[in-house]
Amino acid sequence: MPIAAPPLARKAGAAQGITVVTVGFLPIVAIVAMFPAVPAIIQHFSRDPSAMTKVPAMVSAPGLTIAVLALFAGLFVDRYGRRRLLLGSTLLYGVVGSIPFFLDSINQIYVSRLALGVAEAAILTTLNTLIGDYWDDKGRHFWLTIQGLVGPFLATAVIVASGYLTGVRWNGIFLIYTVGFVAFLASLAFLYEPASDATARQMLGIDEERTSFPLREATAFGVVTLLASSLYYVFIINGGLVWQEIGVMDSGSIGRLTAIPSLFVMAGAAIFWLTGRFGARWQLFLVFALLGTGLSAIGLIHDWRGMVVAMAVQQTGAGMAVPTLIAWTQRQLPFAHRGRGMGIWTACFFFGQFSSPLLVSLLRQATGHMQGAFLAAGLFGLVCAVASLVVLSRRARPSAAYGA
């Protein structure tokens, strides 16, 4: 009696790709959307002497929760499945993200922001895992590139909407988080639980005997991600202070001068796509080299024209950083451990976000000014560029199956 062939695994297409790209932007909304609203929220709570400290802390509060909980989210992904966790987390995002619209206590809003970080940790870990599940290496590069190209436009739209909502009401900004409910419906309609890729990998001679968690690879991508993230956020958090040090004090002028270099994030995403065939070690080298060169130049230049050029180099590296790190990490993770591995990646990336301003503050104290801190960070980035190329080149031959 002939044995029936197993059913073909469902293949992800444009609907899944568009959904993953847009839902994956939710955690970015949590940071980008808040910046235009911070002065209005501080003004509303002006009677509270701690408002100047607590309100900015609300912006970064979800990031700390993500760093702490991402690994646990990865464990849940591997044990209970991708789709179920994503549906629950997008629904939670909509609830806890928008609830401050109905609150008038700074402490209660802060707690809701911590809860938002719980949802974001699950969303980030699950979506990054699904990118590895749904597509092969070429497909991952394509959708990560699309994510990098679309991101700047979505960020601009969020900032415009945030300014409008804040103008209507001091806490109107929190209504923007109702997009979580739209994300829930889109995920419910288009995303599916992927089948294990164990059979395909065995047919290709990959992972036949590998059942334990790839600890060596996880240590490598965790350390590299932590270092890259720390450099990635140097300009995002402290860029305005550098403009002031070279004499550009008006916030409107800073915004206009920053607009054009910020578009080079898309150039970084395009470079990621074009350099995919050269391997992760060369892509990581470029990420650290561009970030290091840009930050070093920002630390040395005292003219606004040169600053714009230096920022463009740094922003190109920033646009290339996230897709490069994710793609490299995913290639090293088998299906059974992909959720936990992406949990480690997410935790390391957001620990980098948390540690970056602390490290920059120490460098600023040591050098006496913010440009000195940028120069020191940039030189460190260049050292990381050379180190990543040397180390990964040595590991390339024995780790070829995992995309080193």
Protein backbone atom coordinates (compact mmCIF):
# COMPACT_ATOMS: atom_id res chain seq x y z
CA MET A 1 0.00 0.00 0.00
CA PRO A 2 1.59 3.32 -1.04
CA ILE A 3 2.40 5.82 1.67
CA ALA A 4 0.74 9.19 1.21
CA ALA A 5 3.07 12.13 0.90
CA PRO A 6 2.93 14.62 3.78
CA PRO A 7 0.98 17.82 3.06
CA LEU A 8 3.05 20.73 1.82
CA ALA A 9 3.77 23.41 4.38
CA ARG A 10 1.93 26.69 3.84
CA LYS A 11 4.08 29.26 2.08
CA ALA A 12 4.17 32.85 3.28
CA GLY A 13 3.45 35.56 0.72
CA ALA A 14 2.85 39.29 0.42
CA ALA A 15 -0.05 39.34 2.93
CA GLN A 16 2.16 37.83 5.63
CA GLY A 17 5.10 40.05 4.71
CA ILE A 18 3.11 43.29 4.82
CA THR A 19 1.49 42.25 8.11
CA VAL A 20 4.83 41.36 9.72
CA VAL A 21 6.43 44.65 8.58
CA THR A 22 3.59 46.86 9.83
CA VAL A 23 2.91 45.02 13.10
CA GLY A 24 6.65 45.01 13.77
CA PHE A 25 6.53 48.81 13.83
CA LEU A 26 4.35 48.86 16.96
CA PRO A 27 7.29 48.92 19.44
CA ILE A 28 8.80 51.87 17.55
CA VAL A 29 5.55 53.78 18.02
CA ALA A 30 6.02 53.53 21.78
CA ILE A 31 9.14 55.72 21.57
CA VAL A 32 8.57 57.88 18.50
CA ALA A 33 5.01 58.88 19.37
CA MET A 34 5.88 60.15 22.85
CA PHE A 35 8.52 62.75 22.01
CA PRO A 36 6.14 65.48 20.71
CA ALA A 37 3.89 64.94 23.73
CA VAL A 38 6.49 65.14 26.51
CA PRO A 39 6.31 68.95 27.04
CA ALA A 40 2.50 68.90 27.17
CA ILE A 41 2.46 66.04 29.70
CA ILE A 42 5.08 67.79 31.85
CA GLN A 43 2.99 70.95 31.76
CA HIS A 44 -0.14 69.04 32.80
CA PHE A 45 1.65 67.57 35.82
CA SER A 46 3.56 70.77 36.62
CA ARG A 47 2.36 70.70 40.24
CA ASP A 48 4.33 67.48 40.74
CA PRO A 49 7.98 68.46 41.40
CA SER A 50 9.17 65.12 40.02
CA ALA A 51 7.36 65.52 36.68
CA MET A 52 10.53 66.65 34.89
CA THR A 53 12.11 63.31 35.78
CA LYS A 54 9.12 60.97 35.64
CA VAL A 55 7.69 62.04 32.29
CA PRO A 56 10.89 61.46 30.24
CA ALA A 57 11.31 58.18 32.14
CA MET A 58 7.89 57.11 30.84
CA VAL A 59 9.27 57.26 27.29
CA SER A 60 11.99 54.69 27.94
CA ALA A 61 10.10 52.61 30.51
CA PRO A 62 8.88 50.00 27.97
CA GLY A 63 12.48 49.45 26.80
CA LEU A 64 13.58 48.36 30.26
CA THR A 65 10.70 45.90 30.51
CA ILE A 66 11.54 44.52 27.06
CA ALA A 67 15.16 43.95 28.04
CA VAL A 68 14.14 42.03 31.16
CA LEU A 69 11.31 39.96 29.69
CA ALA A 70 12.36 39.26 26.09
CA LEU A 71 14.13 36.01 26.96
CA PHE A 72 11.06 34.70 28.77
CA ALA A 73 8.94 35.70 25.77
CA GLY A 74 11.25 33.60 23.63
CA LEU A 75 10.70 30.59 25.85
CA PHE A 76 6.93 31.00 25.52
CA VAL A 77 7.26 31.30 21.74
CA ASP A 78 9.09 27.98 21.47
CA ARG A 79 6.79 26.21 23.90
CA TYR A 80 3.32 27.53 23.08
CA GLY A 81 3.61 28.69 19.48
CA ARG A 82 4.00 31.95 17.59
CA ARG A 83 0.53 33.01 16.51
CA ARG A 84 -1.23 32.65 19.86
CA LEU A 85 1.35 34.76 21.67
CA LEU A 86 1.30 37.44 18.96
CA LEU A 87 -2.49 37.74 19.07
CA GLY A 88 -2.46 38.10 22.85
CA SER A 89 0.36 40.63 22.84
CA THR A 90 -1.14 42.89 20.13
CA LEU A 91 -4.44 42.92 22.03
CA LEU A 92 -2.61 43.79 25.27
CA TYR A 93 -0.71 46.52 23.41
CA GLY A 94 -3.96 48.18 22.38
CA VAL A 95 -5.41 48.03 25.90
CA VAL A 96 -2.47 49.17 28.06
CA GLY A 97 -1.15 51.55 25.41
CA SER A 98 -4.37 53.56 25.14
CA ILE A 99 -5.52 53.36 28.78
CA PRO A 100 -3.52 56.49 29.85
CA PHE A 101 -6.04 58.49 27.83
CA PHE A 102 -8.45 57.77 30.70
CA LEU A 103 -5.94 58.30 33.54
CA ASP A 104 -4.86 61.46 35.36
CA SER A 105 -2.11 60.05 37.60
CA ILE A 106 1.52 60.17 36.54
CA ASN A 107 2.33 57.05 38.56
CA GLN A 108 -0.54 55.07 37.02
CA ILE A 109 0.55 56.11 33.54
CA TYR A 110 4.11 55.01 34.31
CA VAL A 111 2.84 51.58 35.39
CA SER A 112 0.82 51.29 32.18
CA ARG A 113 3.99 52.04 30.21
CA LEU A 114 5.80 49.21 31.98
CA ALA A 115 2.90 46.93 31.06
CA LEU A 116 3.22 48.15 27.47
CA GLY A 117 6.78 46.86 27.52
CA VAL A 118 5.46 43.38 28.33
CA ALA A 119 3.38 43.46 25.14
CA GLU A 120 6.27 44.85 23.11
CA ALA A 121 8.68 42.16 24.32
CA ALA A 122 6.29 39.48 23.07
CA ILE A 123 5.57 41.30 19.79
CA LEU A 124 9.24 41.86 18.93
CA THR A 125 10.33 38.35 19.83
CA THR A 126 7.42 36.67 18.05
CA LEU A 127 7.63 38.69 14.84
CA ASN A 128 11.40 38.31 14.54
CA THR A 129 10.90 34.57 15.04
CA LEU A 130 8.20 34.45 12.37
CA ILE A 131 10.50 36.15 9.85
CA GLY A 132 12.90 33.23 10.35
CA ASP A 133 10.05 30.69 10.14
CA TYR A 134 8.19 32.01 7.11
CA TRP A 135 11.06 32.68 4.68
CA ASP A 136 14.44 31.39 3.63
CA ASP A 137 17.52 33.59 3.74
CA LYS A 138 16.62 35.45 0.53
CA GLY A 139 13.07 36.09 1.69
CA ARG A 140 14.28 37.34 5.08
CA HIS A 141 16.61 39.80 3.39
CA PHE A 142 13.78 41.06 1.19
CA TRP A 143 11.26 41.70 3.98
CA LEU A 144 13.87 43.11 6.37
CA THR A 145 14.89 45.51 3.60
CA ILE A 146 11.26 46.53 3.07
CA GLN A 147 10.97 47.10 6.80
CA GLY A 148 14.01 49.38 6.72
CA LEU A 149 12.71 51.35 3.74
CA VAL A 150 9.17 51.80 5.07
CA GLY A 151 10.18 52.60 8.67
CA PRO A 152 11.19 56.28 8.15
CA PHE A 153 7.89 57.06 6.42
CA LEU A 154 5.86 55.39 9.16
CA ALA A 155 7.87 57.24 11.81
CA THR A 156 7.15 60.57 10.12
CA ALA A 157 3.43 59.78 9.96
CA VAL A 158 3.40 58.87 13.65
CA ILE A 159 5.15 62.11 14.63
CA VAL A 160 2.65 64.20 12.64
CA ALA A 161 -0.30 62.34 14.15
CA SER A 162 1.22 62.64 17.63
CA GLY A 163 1.56 66.40 17.30
CA TYR A 164 -2.05 66.73 16.20
CA LEU A 165 -3.45 64.52 18.99
CA THR A 166 -1.38 66.31 21.63
CA GLY A 167 -2.71 69.64 20.38
CA VAL A 168 -6.27 68.42 20.89
CA ARG A 169 -5.67 67.14 24.43
CA TRP A 170 -2.62 66.72 26.66
CA ASN A 171 -2.99 62.92 26.70
CA GLY A 172 -4.55 62.59 23.26
CA ILE A 173 -1.33 60.96 22.09
CA PHE A 174 -2.28 57.72 23.81
CA LEU A 175 -5.16 57.20 21.38
CA ILE A 176 -2.57 56.34 18.74
CA TYR A 177 -1.97 53.06 20.56
CA THR A 178 -5.40 51.84 19.50
CA VAL A 179 -3.54 50.77 16.35
CA GLY A 180 -2.78 47.68 18.43
CA PHE A 181 -6.37 46.54 17.89
CA VAL A 182 -5.91 46.91 14.12
CA ALA A 183 -2.69 44.89 14.38
CA PHE A 184 -4.60 42.19 16.29
CA LEU A 185 -7.21 41.92 13.52
CA ALA A 186 -4.55 41.86 10.77
CA SER A 187 -2.58 39.15 12.59
CA LEU A 188 -5.76 37.14 13.13
CA ALA A 189 -6.59 37.35 9.43
CA PHE A 190 -3.21 36.84 7.76
CA LEU A 191 -0.67 35.21 10.08
CA TYR A 192 -0.56 31.47 10.70
CA GLU A 193 1.35 29.08 12.93
CA PRO A 194 4.35 27.86 10.89
CA ALA A 195 5.25 24.21 10.52
CA SER A 196 8.59 23.03 11.88
CA ASP A 197 11.40 23.22 9.34
CA ALA A 198 13.11 20.14 10.79
CA THR A 199 12.29 17.90 7.81
CA ALA A 200 13.63 20.33 5.25
CA ARG A 201 16.77 20.95 7.26
CA GLN A 202 17.45 17.23 7.58
CA MET A 203 17.07 16.79 3.81
CA LEU A 204 19.71 19.50 3.35
CA GLY A 205 22.03 17.86 5.86
CA ILE A 206 21.59 20.64 8.41
CA ASP A 207 20.90 20.13 12.11
CA GLU A 208 20.66 16.35 11.78
CA GLU A 209 22.34 15.79 15.08
CA ARG A 210 21.83 19.19 16.66
CA THR A 211 19.10 19.21 19.29
CA SER A 212 20.64 21.31 22.06
CA PHE A 213 20.43 25.09 22.21
CA PRO A 214 23.25 26.73 20.16
CA LEU A 215 24.87 28.45 23.14
CA ARG A 216 28.08 29.41 21.35
CA GLU A 217 26.22 31.14 18.54
CA ALA A 218 23.83 32.81 20.99
CA THR A 219 26.75 34.23 22.97
CA ALA A 220 28.29 35.62 19.79
CA PHE A 221 25.18 37.32 18.42
CA GLY A 222 24.20 38.52 21.90
CA VAL A 223 27.52 40.29 22.48
CA VAL A 224 27.64 41.78 18.96
CA THR A 225 24.03 42.97 19.22
CA LEU A 226 24.67 44.60 22.60
CA LEU A 227 27.69 46.50 21.26
CA ALA A 228 25.93 47.53 18.04
CA SER A 229 22.83 48.70 19.91
CA SER A 230 24.90 50.82 22.30
CA LEU A 231 26.45 52.60 19.31
CA TYR A 232 23.13 52.73 17.45
CA TYR A 233 21.48 54.83 20.18
CA VAL A 234 24.37 57.27 20.78
CA PHE A 235 23.06 59.77 18.24
CA ILE A 236 19.34 59.04 18.70
CA ILE A 237 19.49 59.99 22.38
CA ASN A 238 22.24 62.64 22.44
CA GLY A 239 22.29 64.13 18.93
CA GLY A 240 20.53 67.36 19.93
CA LEU A 241 23.23 68.18 22.49
CA VAL A 242 25.94 67.96 19.81
CA TRP A 243 24.11 70.47 17.64
CA GLN A 244 24.03 72.84 20.60
CA GLU A 245 27.77 72.44 21.15
CA ILE A 246 28.49 73.64 17.60
CA GLY A 247 26.18 76.63 18.03
CA VAL A 248 22.85 75.49 16.59
CA MET A 249 20.51 76.20 19.50
CA ASP A 250 17.07 76.55 17.88
CA SER A 251 15.08 73.29 17.97
CA GLY A 252 13.38 74.12 14.68
CA SER A 253 16.74 74.54 12.95
CA ILE A 254 17.98 71.28 14.45
CA GLY A 255 14.90 69.52 13.12
CA ARG A 256 15.37 70.90 9.62
CA LEU A 257 19.09 70.11 9.51
CA THR A 258 18.45 66.59 10.76
CA ALA A 259 15.67 65.81 8.26
CA ILE A 260 17.81 65.12 5.18
CA PRO A 261 20.47 62.95 6.91
CA SER A 262 17.69 60.93 8.54
CA LEU A 263 16.58 59.79 5.10
CA PHE A 264 19.89 57.93 4.76
CA VAL A 265 18.39 55.24 7.00
CA MET A 266 16.79 54.02 3.78
CA ALA A 267 20.21 53.99 2.10
CA GLY A 268 21.41 51.68 4.86
CA ALA A 269 18.49 49.32 4.23
CA ALA A 270 19.34 49.30 0.51
CA ILE A 271 23.00 48.52 1.24
CA PHE A 272 21.88 45.64 3.44
CA TRP A 273 19.98 44.20 0.48
CA LEU A 274 22.80 44.73 -2.02
CA THR A 275 25.52 43.22 0.21
CA GLY A 276 23.59 40.10 1.20
CA ARG A 277 25.67 37.84 -1.04
CA PHE A 278 28.91 38.84 0.70
CA GLY A 279 27.95 37.23 4.02
CA ALA A 280 27.32 38.40 7.56
CA ARG A 281 30.92 39.17 8.46
CA TRP A 282 31.22 41.83 5.75
CA GLN A 283 27.79 43.26 6.51
CA LEU A 284 28.63 43.54 10.23
CA PHE A 285 31.96 45.12 9.31
CA LEU A 286 30.10 47.75 7.28
CA VAL A 287 27.59 48.41 10.08
CA PHE A 288 30.29 49.09 12.67
CA ALA A 289 32.49 50.96 10.16
CA LEU A 290 29.68 53.31 9.11
CA LEU A 291 28.51 53.92 12.68
CA GLY A 292 32.09 54.42 13.87
CA THR A 293 33.05 56.74 11.01
CA GLY A 294 29.89 58.81 11.38
CA LEU A 295 30.15 59.17 15.15
CA SER A 296 33.87 60.01 14.96
CA ALA A 297 33.21 62.69 12.36
CA ILE A 298 30.38 64.16 14.45
CA GLY A 299 32.85 64.39 17.31
CA LEU A 300 35.43 66.25 15.23
CA ILE A 301 33.43 68.60 12.99
CA HIS A 302 32.42 72.12 14.10
CA ASP A 303 30.55 73.26 10.98
CA TRP A 304 26.87 72.52 10.32
CA ARG A 305 27.56 71.44 6.73
CA GLY A 306 30.12 68.88 7.81
CA MET A 307 27.78 67.77 10.58
CA VAL A 308 25.05 67.01 8.05
CA VAL A 309 27.46 64.85 6.03
CA ALA A 310 28.71 63.04 9.14
CA MET A 311 25.13 62.41 10.24
CA ALA A 312 24.31 60.95 6.83
CA VAL A 313 27.13 58.41 7.24
CA GLN A 314 25.97 57.53 10.76
CA GLN A 315 22.34 57.20 9.69
CA THR A 316 23.35 54.90 6.82
CA GLY A 317 24.97 52.60 9.36
CA ALA A 318 21.90 52.82 11.59
CA GLY A 319 19.63 51.85 8.69
CA MET A 320 21.77 48.82 7.97
CA ALA A 321 22.25 47.75 11.60
CA VAL A 322 18.93 46.20 12.63
CA PRO A 323 18.23 44.10 9.51
CA THR A 324 21.85 42.89 9.46
CA LEU A 325 21.77 41.83 13.09
CA ILE A 326 18.40 40.09 12.78
CA ALA A 327 19.28 38.25 9.57
CA TRP A 328 22.63 37.06 10.95
CA THR A 329 21.00 35.87 14.18
CA GLN A 330 18.17 34.01 12.44
CA ARG A 331 20.55 32.08 10.22
CA GLN A 332 22.15 30.56 13.32
CA LEU A 333 18.95 29.36 14.97
CA PRO A 334 17.13 26.06 14.30
CA PHE A 335 13.33 26.10 14.44
CA ALA A 336 13.10 24.50 17.91
CA HIS A 337 15.19 27.26 19.50
CA ARG A 338 14.38 30.23 17.27
CA GLY A 339 12.00 31.86 19.74
CA ARG A 340 14.44 31.66 22.63
CA GLY A 341 17.27 32.86 20.40
CA MET A 342 15.32 35.89 19.21
CA GLY A 343 14.40 36.55 22.83
CA ILE A 344 18.10 36.77 23.63
CA TRP A 345 18.62 39.07 20.64
CA THR A 346 15.77 41.37 21.71
CA ALA A 347 16.99 41.50 25.32
CA CYS A 348 20.53 42.38 24.23
CA PHE A 349 19.33 45.05 21.80
CA PHE A 350 17.26 46.80 24.45
CA PHE A 351 19.92 46.44 27.12
CA GLY A 352 22.06 48.32 24.61
CA GLN A 353 19.40 51.02 24.43
CA PHE A 354 19.29 51.23 28.22
CA SER A 355 23.09 51.30 28.67
CA SER A 356 23.94 53.68 25.82
CA PRO A 357 23.05 56.98 27.57
CA LEU A 358 24.85 55.83 30.72
CA LEU A 359 28.03 55.04 28.79
CA VAL A 360 27.83 58.30 26.82
CA SER A 361 27.43 60.22 30.09
CA LEU A 362 30.62 58.61 31.44
CA LEU A 363 32.48 59.44 28.21
CA ARG A 364 31.21 63.01 28.34
CA GLN A 365 32.51 63.42 31.89
CA ALA A 366 35.86 61.94 30.89
CA THR A 367 36.32 64.11 27.78
CA GLY A 368 34.62 67.27 29.05
CA HIS A 369 32.07 67.65 26.23
CA MET A 370 29.56 65.68 24.19
CA GLN A 371 31.58 65.79 20.98
CA GLY A 372 34.42 64.11 22.82
CA ALA A 373 32.03 61.36 23.87
CA PHE A 374 30.92 60.92 20.24
CA LEU A 375 34.55 60.70 19.08
CA ALA A 376 35.35 58.06 21.70
CA ALA A 377 32.24 56.05 20.78
CA GLY A 378 33.10 56.32 17.09
CA LEU A 379 36.65 55.06 17.59
CA PHE A 380 35.26 52.13 19.56
CA GLY A 381 32.91 51.40 16.66
CA LEU A 382 35.85 51.24 14.26
CA VAL A 383 37.63 48.81 16.58
CA CYS A 384 34.48 46.67 16.64
CA ALA A 385 34.40 46.75 12.81
CA VAL A 386 37.87 45.25 12.52
CA ALA A 387 37.28 42.78 15.37
CA SER A 388 34.01 41.50 13.90
CA LEU A 389 35.62 40.91 10.51
CA VAL A 390 38.61 39.07 11.99
CA VAL A 391 36.64 36.93 14.44
CA LEU A 392 33.85 35.95 12.04
CA SER A 393 36.33 35.23 9.24
CA ARG A 394 38.03 32.70 11.51
CA ARG A 395 34.68 31.08 12.34
CA ALA A 396 33.37 31.13 8.77
CA ARG A 397 34.62 27.68 7.73
CA PRO A 398 33.38 25.57 10.67
CA SER A 399 30.16 27.61 10.96
CA ALA A 400 29.29 27.79 7.28
CA ALA A 401 26.04 25.93 7.79
CA TYR A 402 24.83 28.64 10.13
CA GLY A 403 25.67 31.66 8.03
CA ALA A 404 28.69 33.07 9.86
